[in-house]
C-alpha atoms as a PDB file:
ATOM      1  CA  UNK A   1     122.593  43.904 130.033  1.00  0.00           C
ATOM      2  CA  UNK A   2     119.104  44.709 130.886  1.00  0.00           C
ATOM      3  CA  UNK A   3     117.724  46.496 127.691  1.00  0.00           C
ATOM      4  CA  UNK A   4     117.972  44.453 124.173  1.00  0.00           C
ATOM      5  CA  UNK A   5     115.465  46.131 122.126  1.00  0.00           C
ATOM      6  CA  UNK A   6     116.740  48.998 119.740  1.00  0.00           C
ATOM      7  CA  UNK A   7     120.444  47.820 120.873  1.00  0.00           C
ATOM      8  CA  UNK A   8     122.936  46.966 117.976  1.00  0.00           C
ATOM      9  CA  UNK A   9     124.696  43.682 118.219  1.00  0.00           C
ATOM     10  CA  UNK A  10     127.871  42.783 115.977  1.00  0.00           C
ATOM     11  CA  UNK A  11     128.324  39.148 115.503  1.00  0.00           C
ATOM     12  CA  UNK A  12     131.029  37.530 113.932  1.00  0.00           C
ATOM     13  CA  UNK A  13     131.250  34.169 112.518  1.00  0.00           C
ATOM     14  CA  UNK A  14     127.508  34.741 111.972  1.00  0.00           C
ATOM     15  CA  UNK A  15     126.915  33.016 108.792  1.00  0.00           C
ATOM     16  CA  UNK A  16     125.984  29.584 110.473  1.00  0.00           C
ATOM     17  CA  UNK A  17     125.954  27.866 113.886  1.00  0.00           C
ATOM     18  CA  UNK A  18     126.245  29.485 117.150  1.00  0.00           C
ATOM     19  CA  UNK A  19     126.860  32.762 115.402  1.00  0.00           C
ATOM     20  CA  UNK A  20     123.775  32.472 113.141  1.00  0.00           C
ATOM     21  CA  UNK A  21     121.703  31.278 116.428  1.00  0.00           C
ATOM     22  CA  UNK A  22     122.961  34.525 118.667  1.00  0.00           C
ATOM     23  CA  UNK A  23     121.702  36.487 115.249  1.00  0.00           C
ATOM     24  CA  UNK A  24     118.281  35.107 115.377  1.00  0.00           C
ATOM     25  CA  UNK A  25     117.822  35.173 119.205  1.00  0.00           C
ATOM     26  CA  UNK A  26     118.887  38.542 119.356  1.00  0.00           C
ATOM     27  CA  UNK A  27     116.758  39.691 116.297  1.00  0.00           C
ATOM     28  CA  UNK A  28     114.097  38.325 118.420  1.00  0.00           C
ATOM     29  CA  UNK A  29     114.499  40.533 121.211  1.00  0.00           C
ATOM     30  CA  UNK A  30     114.586  43.365 118.481  1.00  0.00           C
ATOM     31  CA  UNK A  31     118.234  43.923 118.462  1.00  0.00           C
ATOM     32  CA  UNK A  32     119.514  45.352 115.089  1.00  0.00           C
ATOM     33  CA  UNK A  33     122.389  43.402 113.993  1.00  0.00           C
ATOM     34  CA  UNK A  34     125.674  43.572 111.946  1.00  0.00           C
ATOM     35  CA  UNK A  35     126.590  40.390 110.823  1.00  0.00           C
ATOM     36  CA  UNK A  36     130.275  39.314 109.928  1.00  0.00           C
ATOM     37  CA  UNK A  37     131.796  36.389 108.416  1.00  0.00           C
ATOM     38  CA  UNK A  38     133.780  35.644 105.281  1.00  0.00           C
ATOM     39  CA  UNK A  39     130.900  34.012 103.222  1.00  0.00           C
ATOM     40  CA  UNK A  40     128.769  36.788 102.031  1.00  0.00           C
ATOM     41  CA  UNK A  41     125.989  34.791 100.597  1.00  0.00           C
ATOM     42  CA  UNK A  42     125.353  33.345 103.277  1.00  0.00           C
ATOM     43  CA  UNK A  43     125.390  36.323 105.437  1.00  0.00           C
ATOM     44  CA  UNK A  44     122.752  38.127 102.893  1.00  0.00           C
ATOM     45  CA  UNK A  45     120.690  34.976 103.297  1.00  0.00           C
ATOM     46  CA  UNK A  46     120.501  35.236 106.895  1.00  0.00           C
ATOM     47  CA  UNK A  47     120.059  39.166 106.850  1.00  0.00           C
ATOM     48  CA  UNK A  48     117.120  38.515 104.467  1.00  0.00           C
ATOM     49  CA  UNK A  49     115.348  35.736 106.578  1.00  0.00           C
ATOM     50  CA  UNK A  50     115.810  37.869 109.838  1.00  0.00           C
ATOM     51  CA  UNK A  51     114.987  41.373 108.419  1.00  0.00           C
ATOM     52  CA  UNK A  52     111.704  39.600 107.214  1.00  0.00           C
ATOM     53  CA  UNK A  53     110.684  37.961 110.458  1.00  0.00           C
ATOM     54  CA  UNK A  54     111.664  40.130 113.223  1.00  0.00           C
ATOM     55  CA  UNK A  55     111.620  43.806 111.459  1.00  0.00           C
ATOM     56  CA  UNK A  56     115.201  44.727 112.361  1.00  0.00           C
ATOM     57  CA  UNK A  57     117.801  46.530 110.486  1.00  0.00           C
ATOM     58  CA  UNK A  58     120.683  43.971 109.359  1.00  0.00           C
ATOM     59  CA  UNK A  59     124.308  45.107 108.063  1.00  0.00           C
ATOM     60  CA  UNK A  60     126.130  42.590 106.310  1.00  0.00           C
ATOM     61  CA  UNK A  61     129.982  42.880 106.391  1.00  0.00           C
ATOM     62  CA  UNK A  62     132.221  40.461 104.925  1.00  0.00           C
ATOM     63  CA  UNK A  63     135.732  40.064 106.385  1.00  0.00           C
ATOM     64  CA  UNK A  64     138.160  37.420 106.676  1.00  0.00           C
ATOM     65  CA  UNK A  65     139.587  37.973 110.425  1.00  0.00           C
ATOM     66  CA  UNK A  66     142.470  36.047 110.093  1.00  0.00           C
ATOM     67  CA  UNK A  67     143.937  39.372 108.032  1.00  0.00           C
ATOM     68  CA  UNK A  68     145.049  42.335 110.551  1.00  0.00           C
ATOM     69  CA  UNK A  69     143.933  44.367 107.680  1.00  0.00           C
ATOM     70  CA  UNK A  70     140.592  42.852 107.476  1.00  0.00           C
ATOM     71  CA  UNK A  71     140.314  43.543 111.299  1.00  0.00           C
ATOM     72  CA  UNK A  72     140.865  47.168 110.846  1.00  0.00           C
ATOM     73  CA  UNK A  73     138.836  47.783 107.793  1.00  0.00           C
ATOM     74  CA  UNK A  74     135.881  46.519 109.747  1.00  0.00           C
ATOM     75  CA  UNK A  75     136.613  48.554 112.896  1.00  0.00           C
ATOM     76  CA  UNK A  76     136.956  51.599 110.248  1.00  0.00           C
ATOM     77  CA  UNK A  77     133.538  50.436 108.683  1.00  0.00           C
ATOM     78  CA  UNK A  78     132.137  50.505 112.212  1.00  0.00           C
ATOM     79  CA  UNK A  79     133.375  53.827 113.336  1.00  0.00           C
ATOM     80  CA  UNK A  80     132.421  55.496 109.955  1.00  0.00           C
ATOM     81  CA  UNK A  81     128.997  54.316 110.274  1.00  0.00           C
ATOM     82  CA  UNK A  82     128.553  56.216 113.558  1.00  0.00           C
ATOM     83  CA  UNK A  83     126.299  53.280 114.956  1.00  0.00           C
ATOM     84  CA  UNK A  84     127.148  52.426 118.480  1.00  0.00           C
ATOM     85  CA  UNK A  85     127.980  48.808 119.053  1.00  0.00           C
ATOM     86  CA  UNK A  86     125.964  47.829 122.202  1.00  0.00           C
ATOM     87  CA  UNK A  87     126.730  43.778 121.908  1.00  0.00           C
ATOM     88  CA  UNK A  88     129.699  42.286 120.790  1.00  0.00           C
ATOM     89  CA  UNK A  89     129.898  38.681 120.108  1.00  0.00           C
ATOM     90  CA  UNK A  90     133.021  37.055 119.164  1.00  0.00           C
ATOM     91  CA  UNK A  91     132.301  33.943 118.067  1.00  0.00           C
ATOM     92  CA  UNK A  92     134.419  33.550 114.628  1.00  0.00           C
ATOM     93  CA  UNK A  93     137.182  30.627 115.558  1.00  0.00           C
ATOM     94  CA  UNK A  94     138.301  27.150 114.044  1.00  0.00           C
ATOM     95  CA  UNK A  95     140.323  24.479 115.044  1.00  0.00           C
ATOM     96  CA  UNK A  96     142.509  22.182 113.408  1.00  0.00           C
ATOM     97  CA  UNK A  97     143.167  18.365 114.648  1.00  0.00           C
ATOM     98  CA  UNK A  98     146.359  16.261 114.344  1.00  0.00           C
ATOM     99  CA  UNK A  99     149.944  16.111 115.411  1.00  0.00           C
ATOM    100  CA  UNK A 100     151.016  19.565 116.393  1.00  0.00           C
ATOM    101  CA  UNK A 101     154.655  19.081 114.394  1.00  0.00           C
ATOM    102  CA  UNK A 102     152.927  18.073 111.282  1.00  0.00           C
ATOM    103  CA  UNK A 103     150.253  20.990 111.079  1.00  0.00           C
ATOM    104  CA  UNK A 104     150.635  23.655 108.646  1.00  0.00           C
ATOM    105  CA  UNK A 105     152.353  26.513 110.256  1.00  0.00           C
ATOM    106  CA  UNK A 106     150.552  29.224 108.237  1.00  0.00           C
ATOM    107  CA  UNK A 107     146.898  27.745 109.201  1.00  0.00           C
ATOM    108  CA  UNK A 108     148.077  27.590 112.934  1.00  0.00           C
ATOM    109  CA  UNK A 109     149.218  31.064 112.675  1.00  0.00           C
ATOM    110  CA  UNK A 110     145.449  31.937 111.125  1.00  0.00           C
ATOM    111  CA  UNK A 111     144.066  30.171 113.933  1.00  0.00           C
ATOM    112  CA  UNK A 112     145.924  32.317 116.408  1.00  0.00           C
ATOM    113  CA  UNK A 113     144.817  35.337 114.536  1.00  0.00           C
ATOM    114  CA  UNK A 114     140.992  34.299 114.071  1.00  0.00           C
ATOM    115  CA  UNK A 115     140.839  32.897 117.839  1.00  0.00           C
ATOM    116  CA  UNK A 116     142.952  35.638 119.655  1.00  0.00           C
ATOM    117  CA  UNK A 117     144.316  38.472 117.945  1.00  0.00           C
ATOM    118  CA  UNK A 118     140.659  39.345 116.317  1.00  0.00           C
ATOM    119  CA  UNK A 119     138.839  38.879 119.479  1.00  0.00           C
ATOM    120  CA  UNK A 120     141.094  41.322 121.304  1.00  0.00           C
ATOM    121  CA  UNK A 121     141.111  43.826 118.585  1.00  0.00           C
ATOM    122  CA  UNK A 122     137.283  44.132 118.106  1.00  0.00           C
ATOM    123  CA  UNK A 123     136.931  44.088 122.032  1.00  0.00           C
ATOM    124  CA  UNK A 124     139.186  46.999 122.388  1.00  0.00           C
ATOM    125  CA  UNK A 125     137.705  48.802 119.665  1.00  0.00           C
ATOM    126  CA  UNK A 126     134.281  48.518 121.223  1.00  0.00           C
ATOM    127  CA  UNK A 127     134.478  48.473 124.623  1.00  0.00           C
ATOM    128  CA  UNK A 128     135.533  52.270 125.404  1.00  0.00           C
ATOM    129  CA  UNK A 129     132.183  53.192 123.439  1.00  0.00           C
ATOM    130  CA  UNK A 130     130.299  50.847 125.579  1.00  0.00           C
ATOM    131  CA  UNK A 131     132.010  52.071 129.095  1.00  0.00           C
ATOM    132  CA  UNK A 132     131.314  55.764 127.959  1.00  0.00           C
ATOM    133  CA  UNK A 133     127.731  54.973 127.511  1.00  0.00           C
ATOM    134  CA  UNK A 134     127.318  52.981 130.624  1.00  0.00           C
ATOM    135  CA  UNK A 135     125.802  50.036 128.861  1.00  0.00           C
ATOM    136  CA  UNK A 136     126.901  47.023 126.795  1.00  0.00           C
ATOM    137  CA  UNK A 137     127.757  43.380 126.728  1.00  0.00           C
ATOM    138  CA  UNK A 138     130.659  41.225 125.238  1.00  0.00           C
ATOM    139  CA  UNK A 139     130.260  37.790 124.595  1.00  0.00           C
ATOM    140  CA  UNK A 140     133.603  35.855 123.843  1.00  0.00           C
ATOM    141  CA  UNK A 141     132.763  31.928 122.934  1.00  0.00           C
ATOM    142  CA  UNK A 142     135.182  30.016 124.464  1.00  0.00           C
ATOM    143  CA  UNK A 143     135.329  26.342 124.930  1.00  0.00           C
ATOM    144  CA  UNK A 144     135.157  23.340 127.242  1.00  0.00           C
ATOM    145  CA  UNK A 145     138.601  22.774 125.387  1.00  0.00           C
ATOM    146  CA  UNK A 146     140.036  26.030 127.770  1.00  0.00           C
ATOM    147  CA  UNK A 147     140.198  23.995 131.019  1.00  0.00           C
ATOM    148  CA  UNK A 148     142.784  21.450 130.263  1.00  0.00           C
ATOM    149  CA  UNK A 149     145.462  21.047 127.759  1.00  0.00           C
ATOM    150  CA  UNK A 150     144.035  19.535 124.635  1.00  0.00           C
ATOM    151  CA  UNK A 151     146.925  17.072 122.634  1.00  0.00           C
ATOM    152  CA  UNK A 152     146.556  16.810 119.144  1.00  0.00           C
ATOM    153  CA  UNK A 153     144.277  20.303 119.075  1.00  0.00           C
ATOM    154  CA  UNK A 154     147.106  21.952 121.060  1.00  0.00           C
ATOM    155  CA  UNK A 155     146.664  25.299 119.444  1.00  0.00           C
ATOM    156  CA  UNK A 156     142.907  25.194 119.513  1.00  0.00           C
ATOM    157  CA  UNK A 157     142.929  24.587 123.147  1.00  0.00           C
ATOM    158  CA  UNK A 158     145.504  27.012 124.237  1.00  0.00           C
ATOM    159  CA  UNK A 159     143.517  29.742 122.229  1.00  0.00           C
ATOM    160  CA  UNK A 160     140.514  29.279 124.446  1.00  0.00           C
ATOM    161  CA  UNK A 161     142.180  29.162 127.360  1.00  0.00           C
ATOM    162  CA  UNK A 162     143.405  32.448 126.412  1.00  0.00           C
ATOM    163  CA  UNK A 163     139.708  33.568 125.550  1.00  0.00           C
ATOM    164  CA  UNK A 164     138.336  32.277 128.982  1.00  0.00           C
ATOM    165  CA  UNK A 165     141.149  34.055 131.049  1.00  0.00           C
ATOM    166  CA  UNK A 166     140.829  37.323 129.189  1.00  0.00           C
ATOM    167  CA  UNK A 167     137.096  37.485 129.188  1.00  0.00           C
ATOM    168  CA  UNK A 168     136.863  36.892 133.024  1.00  0.00           C
ATOM    169  CA  UNK A 169     139.525  39.684 133.788  1.00  0.00           C
ATOM    170  CA  UNK A 170     137.882  42.090 131.602  1.00  0.00           C
ATOM    171  CA  UNK A 171     134.582  41.056 133.592  1.00  0.00           C
ATOM    172  CA  UNK A 172     136.708  42.033 136.481  1.00  0.00           C
ATOM    173  CA  UNK A 173     137.337  45.314 135.470  1.00  0.00           C
ATOM    174  CA  UNK A 174     134.368  46.192 133.892  1.00  0.00           C
ATOM    175  CA  UNK A 175     132.362  45.279 137.039  1.00  0.00           C
ATOM    176  CA  UNK A 176     130.021  48.355 138.186  1.00  0.00           C
ATOM    177  CA  UNK A 177     130.310  50.137 134.891  1.00  0.00           C
ATOM    178  CA  UNK A 178     127.048  48.965 133.185  1.00  0.00           C
ATOM    179  CA  UNK A 179     129.198  46.962 130.593  1.00  0.00           C
ATOM    180  CA  UNK A 180     129.172  42.933 130.869  1.00  0.00           C
ATOM    181  CA  UNK A 181     132.071  40.538 129.700  1.00  0.00           C
ATOM    182  CA  UNK A 182     130.779  36.856 129.453  1.00  0.00           C
ATOM    183  CA  UNK A 183     132.888  33.907 128.199  1.00  0.00           C
ATOM    184  CA  UNK A 184     130.572  31.052 127.007  1.00  0.00           C
ATOM    185  CA  UNK A 185     131.856  27.956 126.926  1.00  0.00           C
ATOM    186  CA  UNK A 186     130.155  25.055 124.807  1.00  0.00           C
ATOM    187  CA  UNK A 187     131.329  21.596 124.206  1.00  0.00           C
ATOM    188  CA  UNK A 188     130.828  19.717 121.094  1.00  0.00           C
ATOM    189  CA  UNK A 189     127.949  21.365 119.357  1.00  0.00           C
ATOM    190  CA  UNK A 190     125.958  20.316 116.413  1.00  0.00           C
ATOM    191  CA  UNK A 191     127.757  22.960 113.898  1.00  0.00           C
ATOM    192  CA  UNK A 192     129.965  23.082 110.725  1.00  0.00           C
ATOM    193  CA  UNK A 193     133.145  23.108 113.348  1.00  0.00           C
ATOM    194  CA  UNK A 194     133.972  19.547 112.700  1.00  0.00           C
ATOM    195  CA  UNK A 195     133.832  20.137 108.861  1.00  0.00           C
ATOM    196  CA  UNK A 196     136.660  22.069 109.428  1.00  0.00           C
ATOM    197  CA  UNK A 197     138.552  20.788 112.293  1.00  0.00           C
ATOM    198  CA  UNK A 198     137.714  16.855 111.588  1.00  0.00           C
ATOM    199  CA  UNK A 199     135.206  14.651 113.033  1.00  0.00           C
ATOM    200  CA  UNK A 200     138.076  12.579 115.183  1.00  0.00           C
ATOM    201  CA  UNK A 201     138.038  16.282 117.335  1.00  0.00           C
ATOM    202  CA  UNK A 202     134.691  15.491 118.384  1.00  0.00           C
ATOM    203  CA  UNK A 203     134.028  14.125 122.052  1.00  0.00           C
ATOM    204  CA  UNK A 204     130.720  13.544 123.389  1.00  0.00           C
ATOM    205  CA  UNK A 205     127.328  13.821 122.896  1.00  0.00           C
ATOM    206  CA  UNK A 206     126.744  17.461 120.646  1.00  0.00           C
ATOM    207  CA  UNK A 207     124.448  19.940 122.343  1.00  0.00           C
ATOM    208  CA  UNK A 208     122.351  22.132 119.394  1.00  0.00           C
ATOM    209  CA  UNK A 209     123.283  25.658 118.933  1.00  0.00           C
ATOM    210  CA  UNK A 210     119.829  26.781 120.532  1.00  0.00           C
ATOM    211  CA  UNK A 211     121.007  24.989 123.785  1.00  0.00           C
ATOM    212  CA  UNK A 212     124.344  26.620 123.910  1.00  0.00           C
ATOM    213  CA  UNK A 213     122.783  30.210 122.869  1.00  0.00           C
ATOM    214  CA  UNK A 214     119.910  29.748 125.743  1.00  0.00           C
ATOM    215  CA  UNK A 215     122.615  29.319 128.083  1.00  0.00           C
ATOM    216  CA  UNK A 216     124.238  32.815 127.006  1.00  0.00           C
ATOM    217  CA  UNK A 217     121.072  34.656 127.163  1.00  0.00           C
ATOM    218  CA  UNK A 218     120.175  33.013 130.582  1.00  0.00           C
ATOM    219  CA  UNK A 219     123.515  34.375 131.643  1.00  0.00           C
ATOM    220  CA  UNK A 220     123.085  37.779 130.650  1.00  0.00           C
ATOM    221  CA  UNK A 221     119.561  37.956 131.968  1.00  0.00           C
ATOM    222  CA  UNK A 222     120.727  37.349 135.637  1.00  0.00           C
ATOM    223  CA  UNK A 223     120.789  40.144 138.129  1.00  0.00           C
ATOM    224  CA  UNK A 224     124.173  38.961 139.147  1.00  0.00           C
ATOM    225  CA  UNK A 225     126.079  38.059 135.874  1.00  0.00           C
ATOM    226  CA  UNK A 226     128.682  35.297 135.853  1.00  0.00           C
ATOM    227  CA  UNK A 227     132.220  36.311 134.288  1.00  0.00           C
ATOM    228  CA  UNK A 228     131.823  32.679 132.669  1.00  0.00           C
ATOM    229  CA  UNK A 229     129.616  29.914 131.985  1.00  0.00           C
ATOM    230  CA  UNK A 230     129.621  26.332 130.674  1.00  0.00           C
ATOM    231  CA  UNK A 231     126.694  24.825 128.525  1.00  0.00           C
ATOM    232  CA  UNK A 232     125.396  21.641 129.372  1.00  0.00           C
ATOM    233  CA  UNK A 233     125.388  19.397 132.518  1.00  0.00           C
ATOM    234  CA  UNK A 234     127.771  16.842 131.418  1.00  0.00           C
ATOM    235  CA  UNK A 235     130.316  19.669 130.185  1.00  0.00           C
ATOM    236  CA  UNK A 236     129.892  21.486 133.540  1.00  0.00           C
ATOM    237  CA  UNK A 237     131.063  18.337 135.364  1.00  0.00           C
ATOM    238  CA  UNK A 238     134.013  17.416 133.108  1.00  0.00           C
ATOM    239  CA  UNK A 239     135.135  21.375 133.322  1.00  0.00           C
ATOM    240  CA  UNK A 240     135.584  20.751 137.182  1.00  0.00           C
ATOM    241  CA  UNK A 241     137.825  17.455 136.624  1.00  0.00           C
ATOM    242  CA  UNK A 242     141.016  19.312 135.719  1.00  0.00           C
ATOM    243  CA  UNK A 243     140.948  21.057 139.195  1.00  0.00           C
ATOM    244  CA  UNK A 244     140.997  17.448 141.345  1.00  0.00           C
ATOM    245  CA  UNK A 245     142.763  15.288 139.219  1.00  0.00           C
ATOM    246  CA  UNK A 246     146.346  15.521 138.687  1.00  0.00           C
ATOM    247  CA  UNK A 247     147.866  17.282 135.878  1.00  0.00           C
ATOM    248  CA  UNK A 248     149.421  14.427 134.205  1.00  0.00           C
ATOM    249  CA  UNK A 249     146.368  12.374 134.445  1.00  0.00           C
ATOM    250  CA  UNK A 250     144.414  15.389 132.923  1.00  0.00           C
ATOM    251  CA  UNK A 251     146.389  15.419 129.668  1.00  0.00           C
ATOM    252  CA  UNK A 252     146.653  11.757 129.566  1.00  0.00           C
ATOM    253  CA  UNK A 253     142.625  11.768 129.466  1.00  0.00           C
ATOM    254  CA  UNK A 254     142.401  14.159 126.812  1.00  0.00           C
ATOM    255  CA  UNK A 255     145.046  12.845 124.922  1.00  0.00           C
ATOM    256  CA  UNK A 256     143.046   9.279 124.914  1.00  0.00           C
ATOM    257  CA  UNK A 257     140.118  11.179 124.169  1.00  0.00           C
ATOM    258  CA  UNK A 258     140.991  13.566 121.491  1.00  0.00           C
ATOM    259  CA  UNK A 259     144.102  11.847 120.128  1.00  0.00           C
ATOM    260  CA  UNK A 260     144.949  10.812 116.285  1.00  0.00           C
ATOM    261  CA  UNK A 261     142.088   8.094 115.241  1.00  0.00           C
END
C-alpha cells in the first residue's frame, strides 16, 4: 500500500504486544486508528498516548472476538460509523499448550473462533470496501507454527496454518486490485502470549515486537509485495526445514521442542 497518511487502520488484539506496536508504527505514519481488544482500559491508555504523540484520531472498541455476536457487533459498528477501513490488522489470537486429549473443549473452541473465524469474518466484512476503493491492506498474523504440525499445541498450529494458507490465497485473488494481503509469521516474540500459552510453549530466542512489526512494514513498503513474510533470520531458516525433512522427522522434532515440560 503506497499511501498511509490519512488512512484508517483497524487493529485487533491492540491492547498489548504486536497489536500495540502496530498501532504505534501506523500512527507514526499518520494513520488514524480503530483499536479492538477485550481490555478497554488498556486500549484507552494506548489511545491517549498515541493521540497525544502523533495527533491522529483513535477510536476504541471493546470486543471479545471469541463470540460471533461480538464480531458481528464490531462489523455493524464500523459500517454505522461511515469511516472506511483502509488497513486491517488481524492480530488477536492465543494458544493453549498441553496434551490435546486433556485440554478444555470450550477453550479450544474459543481459540479457533479468535484465531480463525474472527479473521475470516472481519476480512470478509472489510475487503469489499477496499476493493471498491482500489486501495487497502490486510495483514493477518500467522506464525512460524504454520509451517509444520505442533504436538502439544495442535489446535494453535492448525489455526495458524489456516491463516497462512487463507492469506496467501487472498493475495492471489487480490493481486492487481490495489489491495495487499500479507501473512506475517513471527516466531517466539516478547509479548504476553506466553502468559496465556505457558512458558513451556516458548522455543528459541524471542524477538521484540518492534522487530516483528518492522518486518511487516518493510514487506508492505516493497514495490513487489510478498504474500507472506517470516520475521527473523533464524525463523526463516527453521520455516524451510519442513520442506526437506521427512514428515515424521519434522513432527518428532517439534514434539521434542514444544512437548509437555
